C-alpha atoms as a PDB file:
ATOM      1  CA  MET A   1     -23.930 -10.571  -3.306  1.00  0.00           C
ATOM      2  CA  LYS A   2     -22.616  -8.427  -6.175  1.00  0.00           C
ATOM      3  CA  LEU A   3     -20.046  -5.829  -5.099  1.00  0.00           C
ATOM      4  CA  VAL A   4     -18.895  -3.089  -7.465  1.00  0.00           C
ATOM      5  CA  PHE A   5     -15.586  -1.409  -6.619  1.00  0.00           C
ATOM      6  CA  VAL A   6     -14.849   2.068  -7.963  1.00  0.00           C
ATOM      7  CA  TYR A   7     -11.112   2.577  -8.191  1.00  0.00           C
ATOM      8  CA  TYR A   8      -8.622   4.707 -10.121  1.00  0.00           C
ATOM      9  CA  ALA A   9      -6.022   2.105 -11.122  1.00  0.00           C
ATOM     10  CA  TYR A  10      -2.472   2.501 -12.377  1.00  0.00           C
ATOM     11  CA  GLU A  11      -0.288  -0.150 -13.948  1.00  0.00           C
ATOM     12  CA  ASN A  12       2.592   0.301 -11.496  1.00  0.00           C
ATOM     13  CA  GLN A  13       1.184   1.496  -8.180  1.00  0.00           C
ATOM     14  CA  GLY A  14      -1.745   1.066  -5.845  1.00  0.00           C
ATOM     15  CA  SER A  15      -4.009  -1.660  -4.544  1.00  0.00           C
ATOM     16  CA  GLU A  16      -4.622  -3.721  -7.664  1.00  0.00           C
ATOM     17  CA  LEU A  17      -3.368  -6.964  -6.092  1.00  0.00           C
ATOM     18  CA  ASP A  18      -5.878  -6.447  -3.290  1.00  0.00           C
ATOM     19  CA  LEU A  19      -8.723  -6.041  -5.765  1.00  0.00           C
ATOM     20  CA  GLN A  20      -7.627  -9.183  -7.582  1.00  0.00           C
ATOM     21  CA  GLY A  21      -7.760 -11.025  -4.260  1.00  0.00           C
ATOM     22  CA  TYR A  22     -11.286  -9.833  -3.505  1.00  0.00           C
ATOM     23  CA  ALA A  23     -12.487 -10.888  -6.971  1.00  0.00           C
ATOM     24  CA  ARG A  24     -10.793 -14.289  -6.790  1.00  0.00           C
ATOM     25  CA  VAL A  25     -12.301 -15.398  -3.484  1.00  0.00           C
ATOM     26  CA  ALA A  26     -15.725 -13.883  -4.163  1.00  0.00           C
ATOM     27  CA  LYS A  27     -16.613 -16.712  -6.531  1.00  0.00           C
ATOM     28  CA  ALA A  28     -15.643 -19.376  -3.998  1.00  0.00           C
ATOM     29  CA  LEU A  29     -17.830 -17.696  -1.386  1.00  0.00           C
ATOM     30  CA  GLY A  30     -20.806 -17.351  -3.738  1.00  0.00           C
ATOM     31  CA  HIS A  31     -20.374 -13.640  -4.472  1.00  0.00           C
ATOM     32  CA  GLU A  32     -19.266 -11.472  -7.386  1.00  0.00           C
ATOM     33  CA  VAL A  33     -16.749  -8.621  -7.389  1.00  0.00           C
ATOM     34  CA  THR A  34     -16.222  -6.263 -10.320  1.00  0.00           C
ATOM     35  CA  VAL A  35     -14.288  -3.026 -10.803  1.00  0.00           C
ATOM     36  CA  TYR A  36     -16.291  -0.322 -12.544  1.00  0.00           C
ATOM     37  CA  GLY A  37     -15.007   0.532 -16.008  1.00  0.00           C
ATOM     38  CA  PRO A  38     -14.207  -0.909 -19.447  1.00  0.00           C
ATOM     39  CA  ALA A  39     -11.667  -3.711 -19.788  1.00  0.00           C
ATOM     40  CA  ASN A  40      -8.033  -2.581 -19.764  1.00  0.00           C
ATOM     41  CA  PRO A  41      -5.500  -5.096 -21.148  1.00  0.00           C
ATOM     42  CA  ARG A  42      -2.667  -3.432 -19.175  1.00  0.00           C
ATOM     43  CA  ILE A  43      -4.480  -3.725 -15.848  1.00  0.00           C
ATOM     44  CA  PRO A  44      -5.901  -7.240 -15.343  1.00  0.00           C
ATOM     45  CA  LEU A  45      -8.804  -6.476 -13.032  1.00  0.00           C
ATOM     46  CA  ASN A  46     -12.335  -7.822 -13.360  1.00  0.00           C
ATOM     47  CA  TYR A  47     -13.667  -4.695 -15.073  1.00  0.00           C
ATOM     48  CA  SER A  48     -17.338  -4.228 -15.963  1.00  0.00           C
ATOM     49  CA  THR A  49     -19.751  -1.345 -16.438  1.00  0.00           C
ATOM     50  CA  ASN A  50     -22.742  -3.579 -15.774  1.00  0.00           C
ATOM     51  CA  LEU A  51     -24.445  -2.363 -12.602  1.00  0.00           C
ATOM     52  CA  HIS A  52     -27.503  -4.584 -12.955  1.00  0.00           C
ATOM     53  CA  GLY A  53     -28.118  -6.516  -9.759  1.00  0.00           C
ATOM     54  CA  ALA A  54     -25.467  -4.634  -7.778  1.00  0.00           C
ATOM     55  CA  ASP A  55     -25.887  -5.019  -4.013  1.00  0.00           C
ATOM     56  CA  ALA A  56     -23.218  -2.510  -2.972  1.00  0.00           C
ATOM     57  CA  VAL A  57     -20.852   0.082  -4.431  1.00  0.00           C
ATOM     58  CA  VAL A  58     -17.478   0.458  -2.720  1.00  0.00           C
ATOM     59  CA  PHE A  59     -15.496   3.625  -3.489  1.00  0.00           C
ATOM     60  CA  VAL A  60     -11.818   2.856  -2.844  1.00  0.00           C
ATOM     61  CA  VAL A  61     -10.256   6.314  -2.704  1.00  0.00           C
ATOM     62  CA  GLU A  62      -6.523   6.684  -3.350  1.00  0.00           C
ATOM     63  CA  TRP A  63      -4.931   9.971  -4.510  1.00  0.00           C
ATOM     64  CA  THR A  64      -8.144  11.244  -6.164  1.00  0.00           C
ATOM     65  CA  THR A  65     -11.913  11.237  -5.869  1.00  0.00           C
ATOM     66  CA  GLY A  66     -12.191  11.385  -9.661  1.00  0.00           C
ATOM     67  CA  LEU A  67     -13.451   8.658 -11.953  1.00  0.00           C
ATOM     68  CA  GLN A  68     -10.832   7.013 -14.137  1.00  0.00           C
ATOM     69  CA  ASN A  69     -13.402   5.970 -16.696  1.00  0.00           C
ATOM     70  CA  GLY A  70     -16.635   7.780 -17.372  1.00  0.00           C
ATOM     71  CA  ASP A  71     -18.264  11.127 -16.714  1.00  0.00           C
ATOM     72  CA  ARG A  72     -21.106  12.669 -14.735  1.00  0.00           C
ATOM     73  CA  LEU A  73     -23.542  10.154 -16.191  1.00  0.00           C
ATOM     74  CA  ASP A  74     -21.405   7.380 -14.739  1.00  0.00           C
ATOM     75  CA  TRP A  75     -21.520   9.087 -11.344  1.00  0.00           C
ATOM     76  CA  ALA A  76     -25.298   9.209 -11.665  1.00  0.00           C
ATOM     77  CA  ARG A  77     -25.412   5.522 -12.578  1.00  0.00           C
ATOM     78  CA  LEU A  78     -23.228   4.536  -9.634  1.00  0.00           C
ATOM     79  CA  ILE A  79     -25.246   6.570  -7.159  1.00  0.00           C
ATOM     80  CA  ALA A  80     -28.531   5.249  -8.522  1.00  0.00           C
ATOM     81  CA  ALA A  81     -27.362   1.636  -8.590  1.00  0.00           C
ATOM     82  CA  VAL A  82     -27.820   1.052  -4.847  1.00  0.00           C
ATOM     83  CA  PRO A  83     -29.359   2.911  -1.891  1.00  0.00           C
ATOM     84  CA  ARG A  84     -27.104   5.208   0.123  1.00  0.00           C
ATOM     85  CA  ARG A  85     -26.876   2.679   2.973  1.00  0.00           C
ATOM     86  CA  ARG A  86     -25.280   0.227   0.501  1.00  0.00           C
ATOM     87  CA  ARG A  87     -22.533   2.649  -0.555  1.00  0.00           C
ATOM     88  CA  ILE A  88     -19.170   2.771   1.227  1.00  0.00           C
ATOM     89  CA  VAL A  89     -16.117   5.025   1.002  1.00  0.00           C
ATOM     90  CA  ILE A  90     -12.725   3.539   1.918  1.00  0.00           C
ATOM     91  CA  ASP A  91     -10.229   6.374   2.318  1.00  0.00           C
ATOM     92  CA  CYS A  92      -6.808   4.787   1.799  1.00  0.00           C
ATOM     93  CA  ASP A  93      -4.795   8.031   1.961  1.00  0.00           C
ATOM     94  CA  GLY A  94      -6.084   9.652   5.154  1.00  0.00           C
ATOM     95  CA  ARG A  95      -7.544  12.546   3.198  1.00  0.00           C
ATOM     96  CA  TYR A  96     -10.922  12.345   4.885  1.00  0.00           C
ATOM     97  CA  ASN A  97      -9.483  14.476   7.680  1.00  0.00           C
ATOM     98  CA  ASP A  98      -8.702  18.064   8.473  1.00  0.00           C
ATOM     99  CA  MET A  99      -5.473  19.342   6.954  1.00  0.00           C
ATOM    100  CA  ILE A 100      -2.453  17.546   8.460  1.00  0.00           C
ATOM    101  CA  ASN A 101       1.257  18.225   7.908  1.00  0.00           C
ATOM    102  CA  ILE A 102       3.815  15.804   9.371  1.00  0.00           C
ATOM    103  CA  THR A 103       7.515  16.397   8.608  1.00  0.00           C
ATOM    104  CA  GLY A 104       6.573  18.029   5.317  1.00  0.00           C
ATOM    105  CA  ASP A 105       4.126  15.272   4.349  1.00  0.00           C
ATOM    106  CA  TYR A 106       0.525  16.395   4.068  1.00  0.00           C
ATOM    107  CA  ASN A 107      -2.908  15.128   3.156  1.00  0.00           C
ATOM    108  CA  HIS A 108      -4.101  18.512   1.808  1.00  0.00           C
ATOM    109  CA  ARG A 109      -2.425  21.722   0.723  1.00  0.00           C
ATOM    110  CA  ASP A 110      -4.969  23.891   2.529  1.00  0.00           C
ATOM    111  CA  LYS A 111      -8.176  23.832   4.562  1.00  0.00           C
ATOM    112  CA  GLU A 112     -10.369  24.459   1.538  1.00  0.00           C
ATOM    113  CA  GLU A 113      -9.048  21.369  -0.244  1.00  0.00           C
ATOM    114  CA  SER A 114      -9.759  19.335   2.897  1.00  0.00           C
ATOM    115  CA  ARG A 115     -13.283  20.732   3.134  1.00  0.00           C
ATOM    116  CA  ARG A 116     -14.048  19.870  -0.504  1.00  0.00           C
ATOM    117  CA  TRP A 117     -12.674  16.339  -0.147  1.00  0.00           C
ATOM    118  CA  VAL A 118     -14.687  15.592   2.990  1.00  0.00           C
ATOM    119  CA  GLU A 119     -17.814  17.137   1.505  1.00  0.00           C
ATOM    120  CA  PHE A 120     -17.487  15.006  -1.623  1.00  0.00           C
ATOM    121  CA  CYS A 121     -17.084  11.759   0.329  1.00  0.00           C
ATOM    122  CA  ASP A 122     -20.020  12.681   2.553  1.00  0.00           C
ATOM    123  CA  GLY A 123     -22.079  13.097  -0.602  1.00  0.00           C
ATOM    124  CA  LEU A 124     -21.346   9.518  -1.616  1.00  0.00           C
ATOM    125  CA  ALA A 125     -22.022   7.615   1.589  1.00  0.00           C
ATOM    126  CA  ASP A 126     -22.602   7.665   5.332  1.00  0.00           C
ATOM    127  CA  LYS A 127     -20.228   4.729   5.824  1.00  0.00           C
ATOM    128  CA  ILE A 128     -16.666   6.077   5.771  1.00  0.00           C
ATOM    129  CA  TYR A 129     -13.779   3.731   6.581  1.00  0.00           C
ATOM    130  CA  GLN A 130      -9.993   4.052   6.782  1.00  0.00           C
ATOM    131  CA  PRO A 131      -7.299   1.324   6.922  1.00  0.00           C
ATOM    132  CA  THR A 132      -6.205   2.175  10.447  1.00  0.00           C
ATOM    133  CA  TYR A 133      -7.234   0.986  13.891  1.00  0.00           C
ATOM    134  CA  HIS A 134      -7.347   4.597  15.093  1.00  0.00           C
ATOM    135  CA  PRO A 135      -9.311   6.970  12.801  1.00  0.00           C
ATOM    136  CA  LEU A 136      -9.268  10.602  13.892  1.00  0.00           C
ATOM    137  CA  ARG A 137     -12.815  11.575  12.936  1.00  0.00           C
ATOM    138  CA  PRO A 138     -15.607  10.176  15.131  1.00  0.00           C
ATOM    139  CA  ASN A 139     -17.752   9.169  12.132  1.00  0.00           C
ATOM    140  CA  VAL A 140     -14.954   7.089  10.554  1.00  0.00           C
ATOM    141  CA  ARG A 141     -14.633   3.379  11.289  1.00  0.00           C
ATOM    142  CA  PRO A 142     -11.599   1.072  10.962  1.00  0.00           C
ATOM    143  CA  PHE A 143     -11.394  -1.345   8.046  1.00  0.00           C
ATOM    144  CA  LEU A 144      -7.901  -2.385   6.978  1.00  0.00           C
ATOM    145  CA  PHE A 145      -9.082  -3.127   3.384  1.00  0.00           C
ATOM    146  CA  HIS A 146      -5.656  -4.293   2.164  1.00  0.00           C
ATOM    147  CA  LEU A 147      -5.149  -8.028   2.444  1.00  0.00           C
ATOM    148  CA  TYR A 148      -2.623 -10.828   2.604  1.00  0.00           C
ATOM    149  CA  ASP A 149      -3.088 -13.494  -0.046  1.00  0.00           C
ATOM    150  CA  PRO A 150      -1.244 -16.770   0.649  1.00  0.00           C
ATOM    151  CA  ILE A 151      -1.013 -17.429  -3.106  1.00  0.00           C
ATOM    152  CA  TRP A 152       1.544 -14.595  -3.229  1.00  0.00           C
ATOM    153  CA  GLU A 153       3.988 -16.461  -0.990  1.00  0.00           C
ATOM    154  CA  THR A 154       7.444 -16.903  -2.513  1.00  0.00           C
ATOM    155  CA  PRO A 155      10.035 -19.359  -1.128  1.00  0.00           C
ATOM    156  CA  LEU A 156      12.402 -17.840   1.412  1.00  0.00           C
ATOM    157  CA  ASP A 157      15.512 -18.986  -0.442  1.00  0.00           C
ATOM    158  CA  PHE A 158      18.584 -16.757  -0.009  1.00  0.00           C
ATOM    159  CA  SER A 159      21.127 -18.803  -1.933  1.00  0.00           C
ATOM    160  CA  HIS A 160      21.224 -16.696  -5.099  1.00  0.00           C
ATOM    161  CA  LYS A 161      20.009 -13.164  -4.473  1.00  0.00           C
ATOM    162  CA  GLU A 162      20.720 -10.503  -7.070  1.00  0.00           C
ATOM    163  CA  PHE A 163      20.535  -7.639  -4.569  1.00  0.00           C
ATOM    164  CA  SER A 164      21.269  -7.181  -0.884  1.00  0.00           C
ATOM    165  CA  MET A 165      18.462  -4.619  -0.610  1.00  0.00           C
ATOM    166  CA  VAL A 166      15.450  -3.903  -2.777  1.00  0.00           C
ATOM    167  CA  TYR A 167      12.703  -1.352  -2.329  1.00  0.00           C
ATOM    168  CA  VAL A 168       9.671  -1.319  -4.621  1.00  0.00           C
ATOM    169  CA  GLY A 169       7.716   1.912  -4.502  1.00  0.00           C
ATOM    170  CA  HIS A 170       7.824   5.502  -5.628  1.00  0.00           C
ATOM    171  CA  SER A 171       9.739   8.152  -3.707  1.00  0.00           C
ATOM    172  CA  LYS A 172       6.547  10.051  -2.867  1.00  0.00           C
ATOM    173  CA  PHE A 173       7.088  11.470   0.652  1.00  0.00           C
ATOM    174  CA  ARG A 174       9.368   8.522   1.460  1.00  0.00           C
ATOM    175  CA  TRP A 175      12.805  10.119   1.551  1.00  0.00           C
ATOM    176  CA  HIS A 176      12.417  10.727   5.291  1.00  0.00           C
ATOM    177  CA  GLY A 177      12.369   6.985   5.980  1.00  0.00           C
ATOM    178  CA  MET A 178      14.560   5.810   3.122  1.00  0.00           C
ATOM    179  CA  SER A 179      17.380   8.188   4.048  1.00  0.00           C
ATOM    180  CA  ARG A 180      17.442   6.589   7.514  1.00  0.00           C
ATOM    181  CA  VAL A 181      18.035   3.181   5.916  1.00  0.00           C
ATOM    182  CA  LEU A 182      20.747   4.490   3.623  1.00  0.00           C
ATOM    183  CA  ARG A 183      22.522   6.335   6.446  1.00  0.00           C
ATOM    184  CA  ALA A 184      22.668   3.020   8.315  1.00  0.00           C
ATOM    185  CA  ILE A 185      24.217   1.372   5.268  1.00  0.00           C
ATOM    186  CA  GLU A 186      26.755   4.130   4.596  1.00  0.00           C
ATOM    187  CA  PRO A 187      29.397   3.099   7.199  1.00  0.00           C
ATOM    188  CA  ILE A 188      29.178  -0.556   6.082  1.00  0.00           C
ATOM    189  CA  ARG A 189      28.676   0.043   2.368  1.00  0.00           C
ATOM    190  CA  GLU A 190      31.599  -2.144   1.278  1.00  0.00           C
ATOM    191  CA  ARG A 191      29.995  -5.098   3.098  1.00  0.00           C
ATOM    192  CA  VAL A 192      26.600  -4.669   1.456  1.00  0.00           C
ATOM    193  CA  GLY A 193      25.932  -5.788  -2.089  1.00  0.00           C
ATOM    194  CA  ARG A 194      23.770  -4.157  -4.725  1.00  0.00           C
ATOM    195  CA  ILE A 195      20.966  -1.807  -3.622  1.00  0.00           C
ATOM    196  CA  ALA A 196      18.012  -1.091  -5.903  1.00  0.00           C
ATOM    197  CA  LEU A 197      15.083   1.302  -5.610  1.00  0.00           C
ATOM    198  CA  PHE A 198      12.324   0.511  -8.115  1.00  0.00           C
ATOM    199  CA  GLY A 199       9.921   3.388  -8.729  1.00  0.00           C
ATOM    200  CA  HIS A 200       9.390   6.944  -9.846  1.00  0.00           C
ATOM    201  CA  GLY A 201      11.385   9.841  -8.489  1.00  0.00           C
ATOM    202  CA  TRP A 202      14.425   8.321  -6.794  1.00  0.00           C
ATOM    203  CA  ALA A 203      17.298   9.530  -8.996  1.00  0.00           C
ATOM    204  CA  GLU A 204      15.446  12.388 -10.657  1.00  0.00           C
ATOM    205  CA  GLN A 205      12.120  14.158 -10.587  1.00  0.00           C
ATOM    206  CA  PRO A 206       9.341  12.408 -12.519  1.00  0.00           C
ATOM    207  CA  SER A 207       8.784  14.099 -15.877  1.00  0.00           C
ATOM    208  CA  TRP A 208       5.274  15.183 -14.895  1.00  0.00           C
ATOM    209  CA  ALA A 209       6.030  16.468 -11.367  1.00  0.00           C
ATOM    210  CA  ALA A 210       6.805  20.076 -12.371  1.00  0.00           C
ATOM    211  CA  SER A 211       3.698  20.459 -14.524  1.00  0.00           C
ATOM    212  CA  MET A 212       1.588  19.256 -11.598  1.00  0.00           C
ATOM    213  CA  GLY A 213       3.406  21.448  -9.065  1.00  0.00           C
ATOM    214  CA  ILE A 214       4.373  18.504  -6.855  1.00  0.00           C
ATOM    215  CA  GLU A 215       8.162  18.497  -7.025  1.00  0.00           C
ATOM    216  CA  GLU A 216       8.487  18.561  -3.238  1.00  0.00           C
ATOM    217  CA  ILE A 217       6.513  15.326  -2.962  1.00  0.00           C
ATOM    218  CA  TYR A 218       9.292  13.458  -4.790  1.00  0.00           C
ATOM    219  CA  ARG A 219      12.248  15.178  -3.146  1.00  0.00           C
ATOM    220  CA  THR A 220      15.314  12.948  -2.693  1.00  0.00           C
ATOM    221  CA  ASP A 221      19.102  13.417  -2.749  1.00  0.00           C
ATOM    222  CA  PRO A 222      20.332  12.076  -6.123  1.00  0.00           C
ATOM    223  CA  ALA A 223      23.958  12.959  -5.369  1.00  0.00           C
ATOM    224  CA  TYR A 224      23.839  10.924  -2.156  1.00  0.00           C
ATOM    225  CA  LEU A 225      22.263   7.976  -3.958  1.00  0.00           C
ATOM    226  CA  GLN A 226      25.011   8.093  -6.568  1.00  0.00           C
ATOM    227  CA  LYS A 227      27.690   8.306  -3.873  1.00  0.00           C
ATOM    228  CA  LEU A 228      26.323   5.115  -2.251  1.00  0.00           C
ATOM    229  CA  GLY A 229      26.001   3.353  -5.589  1.00  0.00           C
ATOM    230  CA  VAL A 230      22.252   2.957  -5.258  1.00  0.00           C
ATOM    231  CA  GLU A 231      20.567   1.814  -8.465  1.00  0.00           C
ATOM    232  CA  ALA A 232      17.408   3.734  -9.318  1.00  0.00           C
ATOM    233  CA  ILE A 233      15.315   1.527 -11.577  1.00  0.00           C
ATOM    234  CA  PRO A 234      11.983   2.338 -13.310  1.00  0.00           C
ATOM    235  CA  PRO A 235       8.784   1.047 -11.666  1.00  0.00           C
ATOM    236  CA  VAL A 236       7.469  -2.426 -12.342  1.00  0.00           C
ATOM    237  CA  PRO A 237       3.866  -3.453 -13.099  1.00  0.00           C
ATOM    238  CA  PHE A 238       1.885  -4.374  -9.992  1.00  0.00           C
ATOM    239  CA  ALA A 239       1.756  -8.021 -11.091  1.00  0.00           C
ATOM    240  CA  ARG A 240       5.569  -8.148 -10.714  1.00  0.00           C
ATOM    241  CA  VAL A 241       5.864  -6.350  -7.361  1.00  0.00           C
ATOM    242  CA  ILE A 242       6.319  -9.448  -5.193  1.00  0.00           C
ATOM    243  CA  GLU A 243       8.604 -11.088  -7.750  1.00  0.00           C
ATOM    244  CA  THR A 244      10.770  -7.946  -7.756  1.00  0.00           C
ATOM    245  CA  MET A 245      10.902  -7.653  -3.956  1.00  0.00           C
ATOM    246  CA  SER A 246      12.023 -11.269  -3.883  1.00  0.00           C
ATOM    247  CA  ARG A 247      15.211 -10.333  -5.738  1.00  0.00           C
ATOM    248  CA  GLY A 248      16.677  -8.822  -2.541  1.00  0.00           C
ATOM    249  CA  VAL A 249      17.826 -10.340   0.753  1.00  0.00           C
ATOM    250  CA  PHE A 250      15.886  -7.641   2.596  1.00  0.00           C
ATOM    251  CA  ASN A 251      13.289  -4.992   1.797  1.00  0.00           C
ATOM    252  CA  PRO A 252      12.788  -2.010   4.113  1.00  0.00           C
ATOM    253  CA  ILE A 253       9.163  -1.215   4.908  1.00  0.00           C
ATOM    254  CA  VAL A 254       9.052   2.570   4.739  1.00  0.00           C
ATOM    255  CA  TYR A 255       5.860   4.608   5.117  1.00  0.00           C
ATOM    256  CA  ARG A 256       5.021   8.185   4.422  1.00  0.00           C
ATOM    257  CA  PRO A 257       5.232  10.219   7.680  1.00  0.00           C
ATOM    258  CA  LEU A 258       1.513  10.976   7.303  1.00  0.00           C
ATOM    259  CA  PHE A 259       0.664   7.272   7.192  1.00  0.00           C
ATOM    260  CA  GLU A 260       2.832   6.604  10.235  1.00  0.00           C
ATOM    261  CA  HIS A 261       1.050   9.397  12.114  1.00  0.00           C
ATOM    262  CA  LEU A 262      -2.367   7.945  11.236  1.00  0.00           C
ATOM    263  CA  GLY A 263      -1.337   4.338  11.962  1.00  0.00           C
ATOM    264  CA  MET A 264      -2.425   3.252   8.509  1.00  0.00           C
ATOM    265  CA  VAL A 265      -1.702   0.033   6.669  1.00  0.00           C
ATOM    266  CA  THR A 266      -0.932  -0.044   2.954  1.00  0.00           C
ATOM    267  CA  CYS A 267      -0.774  -2.688   0.268  1.00  0.00           C
ATOM    268  CA  ARG A 268       2.957  -3.040   0.967  1.00  0.00           C
ATOM    269  CA  THR A 269       2.204  -3.829   4.627  1.00  0.00           C
ATOM    270  CA  PHE A 270       0.958  -7.230   3.517  1.00  0.00           C
ATOM    271  CA  GLU A 271       2.769  -7.800   0.220  1.00  0.00           C
ATOM    272  CA  THR A 272       6.293  -7.612   1.654  1.00  0.00           C
ATOM    273  CA  PRO A 273       5.989 -10.575   4.089  1.00  0.00           C
ATOM    274  CA  ALA A 274       4.711 -12.676   1.177  1.00  0.00           C
ATOM    275  CA  ALA A 275       7.822 -11.979  -0.921  1.00  0.00           C
ATOM    276  CA  GLY A 276      10.937 -14.124  -0.707  1.00  0.00           C
ATOM    277  CA  THR A 277      12.772 -11.524   1.340  1.00  0.00           C
ATOM    278  CA  ILE A 278      13.233 -10.240   4.887  1.00  0.00           C
ATOM    279  CA  PRO A 279      11.053  -7.217   5.753  1.00  0.00           C
ATOM    280  CA  LEU A 280      13.041  -4.668   7.735  1.00  0.00           C
ATOM    281  CA  PHE A 281      10.741  -2.279   9.576  1.00  0.00           C
ATOM    282  CA  VAL A 282      11.550   1.436   9.627  1.00  0.00           C
ATOM    283  CA  LEU A 283       8.426   2.062  11.689  1.00  0.00           C
ATOM    284  CA  ASP A 284       7.277   2.700  15.255  1.00  0.00           C
ATOM    285  CA  PRO A 285       7.777  -0.459  17.373  1.00  0.00           C
ATOM    286  CA  THR A 286       4.303  -0.211  18.926  1.00  0.00           C
ATOM    287  CA  TYR A 287       2.731  -0.141  15.471  1.00  0.00           C
ATOM    288  CA  VAL A 288       4.847  -3.085  14.279  1.00  0.00           C
ATOM    289  CA  ARG A 289       3.804  -5.218  17.243  1.00  0.00           C
ATOM    290  CA  ALA A 290       0.129  -4.285  16.812  1.00  0.00           C
ATOM    291  CA  ILE A 291       0.065  -5.200  13.110  1.00  0.00           C
ATOM    292  CA  TYR A 292       2.687  -7.936  12.779  1.00  0.00           C
ATOM    293  CA  GLY A 293       2.806  -9.397  16.288  1.00  0.00           C
ATOM    294  CA  ASP A 294       5.500  -9.495  18.968  1.00  0.00           C
ATOM    295  CA  PRO A 295       7.932 -11.726  17.002  1.00  0.00           C
ATOM    296  CA  ALA A 296       8.224  -8.995  14.369  1.00  0.00           C
ATOM    297  CA  ALA A 297      10.119  -6.812  16.844  1.00  0.00           C
ATOM    298  CA  GLU A 298      13.210  -8.762  15.768  1.00  0.00           C
ATOM    299  CA  LEU A 299      12.805  -7.233  12.295  1.00  0.00           C
ATOM    300  CA  LEU A 300      12.929  -3.617  13.481  1.00  0.00           C
ATOM    301  CA  LEU A 301      15.844  -1.556  12.170  1.00  0.00           C
ATOM    302  CA  GLY A 302      16.485  -0.635  15.808  1.00  0.00           C
ATOM    303  CA  GLU A 303      18.927   1.631  17.598  1.00  0.00           C
ATOM    304  CA  ARG A 304      22.012   0.064  15.986  1.00  0.00           C
ATOM    305  CA  PRO A 305      20.715  -0.173  12.428  1.00  0.00           C
ATOM    306  CA  HIS A 306      24.015  -1.000  10.697  1.00  0.00           C
ATOM    307  CA  GLU A 307      24.441  -4.019  12.960  1.00  0.00           C
ATOM    308  CA  LYS A 308      20.909  -5.198  12.235  1.00  0.00           C
ATOM    309  CA  ILE A 309      21.491  -4.929   8.486  1.00  0.00           C
ATOM    310  CA  LEU A 310      24.744  -6.898   8.685  1.00  0.00           C
ATOM    311  CA  ASP A 311      23.082  -9.575  10.800  1.00  0.00           C
ATOM    312  CA  VAL A 312      20.172  -9.913   8.363  1.00  0.00           C
ATOM    313  CA  LEU A 313      22.633 -10.311   5.492  1.00  0.00           C
ATOM    314  CA  ALA A 314      24.680 -12.848   7.466  1.00  0.00           C
ATOM    315  CA  ARG A 315      21.755 -14.865   8.876  1.00  0.00           C
ATOM    316  CA  PRO A 316      18.752 -14.468   6.575  1.00  0.00           C
ATOM    317  CA  ASP A 317      17.510 -17.990   7.337  1.00  0.00           C
ATOM    318  CA  HIS A 318      17.237 -17.083  11.027  1.00  0.00           C
ATOM    319  CA  TYR A 319      15.071 -14.047  10.249  1.00  0.00           C
ATOM    320  CA  ALA A 320      13.070 -16.108   7.751  1.00  0.00           C
ATOM    321  CA  MET A 321      11.645 -18.027  10.723  1.00  0.00           C
ATOM    322  CA  VAL A 322      10.068 -14.765  11.932  1.00  0.00           C
ATOM    323  CA  VAL A 323       8.669 -14.111   8.464  1.00  0.00           C
ATOM    324  CA  ARG A 324       7.073 -17.555   8.458  1.00  0.00           C
ATOM    325  CA  GLU A 325       5.377 -16.769  11.775  1.00  0.00           C
ATOM    326  CA  ILE A 326       3.987 -13.563  10.284  1.00  0.00           C
ATOM    327  CA  ARG A 327       2.808 -15.411   7.186  1.00  0.00           C
ATOM    328  CA  SER A 328       1.015 -18.028   9.260  1.00  0.00           C
ATOM    329  CA  GLU A 329      -0.885 -15.383  11.227  1.00  0.00           C
ATOM    330  CA  PHE A 330      -1.603 -13.140   8.224  1.00  0.00           C
ATOM    331  CA  GLY A 331      -2.846 -16.076   6.151  1.00  0.00           C
ATOM    332  CA  VAL A 332      -5.747 -16.458   8.573  1.00  0.00           C
ATOM    333  CA  ARG A 333      -6.384 -12.997   9.998  1.00  0.00           C
ATOM    334  CA  HIS A 334      -5.873 -10.929   6.822  1.00  0.00           C
ATOM    335  CA  SER A 335      -6.739 -13.438   4.101  1.00  0.00           C
ATOM    336  CA  PRO A 336      -8.934 -12.399   1.153  1.00  0.00           C
ATOM    337  CA  GLU A 337     -11.725 -14.569   2.543  1.00  0.00           C
ATOM    338  CA  ALA A 338     -11.557 -12.921   5.977  1.00  0.00           C
ATOM    339  CA  ARG A 339     -11.403  -9.446   4.485  1.00  0.00           C
ATOM    340  CA  LEU A 340     -14.343 -10.049   2.118  1.00  0.00           C
ATOM    341  CA  ARG A 341     -16.498 -11.422   4.932  1.00  0.00           C
ATOM    342  CA  GLU A 342     -15.703  -8.340   7.009  1.00  0.00           C
ATOM    343  CA  LEU A 343     -16.606  -6.053   4.108  1.00  0.00           C
ATOM    344  CA  ILE A 344     -19.934  -7.821   3.604  1.00  0.00           C
ATOM    345  CA  GLU A 345     -20.721  -7.393   7.309  1.00  0.00           C
ATOM    346  CA  ILE A 346     -20.043  -3.668   6.927  1.00  0.00           C
ATOM    347  CA  ILE A 347     -22.344  -3.475   3.921  1.00  0.00           C
ATOM    348  CA  GLU A 348     -25.147  -5.290   5.724  1.00  0.00           C
ATOM    349  CA  SER A 349     -24.794  -3.373   9.000  1.00  0.00           C
END
């Protein structure tokens, strides 16, 4: 089977590692996966504009429904390449919903934007999926999409860590969760080593935020970060995400409030346990148990967060045993092979 993914890729954010995983295992399973568009040396995906012999077109929608490469003729080619029943939309941002606002985080600015987004996706396909076990709309089905690739796994060695805490990701709607982590660190700051946040918008607004009218999306507290001695570092290419997370003893897993509300998974849901670090969950305990299993409850920030952080720093090898349990389960249940087989079943249903 030949699967064509349509995806708007960036060098330093998004689901590119997932797409690499799908393409890698497709060959071993007798299939082919390409990403629609011309080759891009800065983004090493299996790009192609050849639609000949395509069996399915999968629209992976993050942050936009626009095409990164091409024009209306490309839309026509994609639509004509396969019948409607062989086209799928995977809504990774929860935007195929009515307007939602959770603690200042939103999927749409107004009802009209929501209507246009839903109408556009409906024009592409009947099969609409979201990476959550609990979609809100009755016509949406669960498909987690993001995957765990065992080849990402980095040794859980804590003998020479550069940072006590690392977070890799932009500040987009994440100050709500990140500030909780930093407030837990504040009373014990002298006992915690270097803290680094890799991504856009932590110490200052991204240069393009004002022109796009999205300053509130990247709202943080730069003065507070400076007071705590937090290092705000530019984003890293997606190929270095796991390597960068592995530079810290622990990495908090922080979601947008909207994603928490929708029970969604993200690429970081699966990438963090593969890194050589301890995931520290700043998430609802019920969600953590449902996704990561009961042992992961030991990695929750909890009701006494400063004590949990100190214990993780003091006994990382103890918590590494929990991470290994998660890895073992994820390597089977969320592997690229398992995810691709599930996607093919969806296509053929």
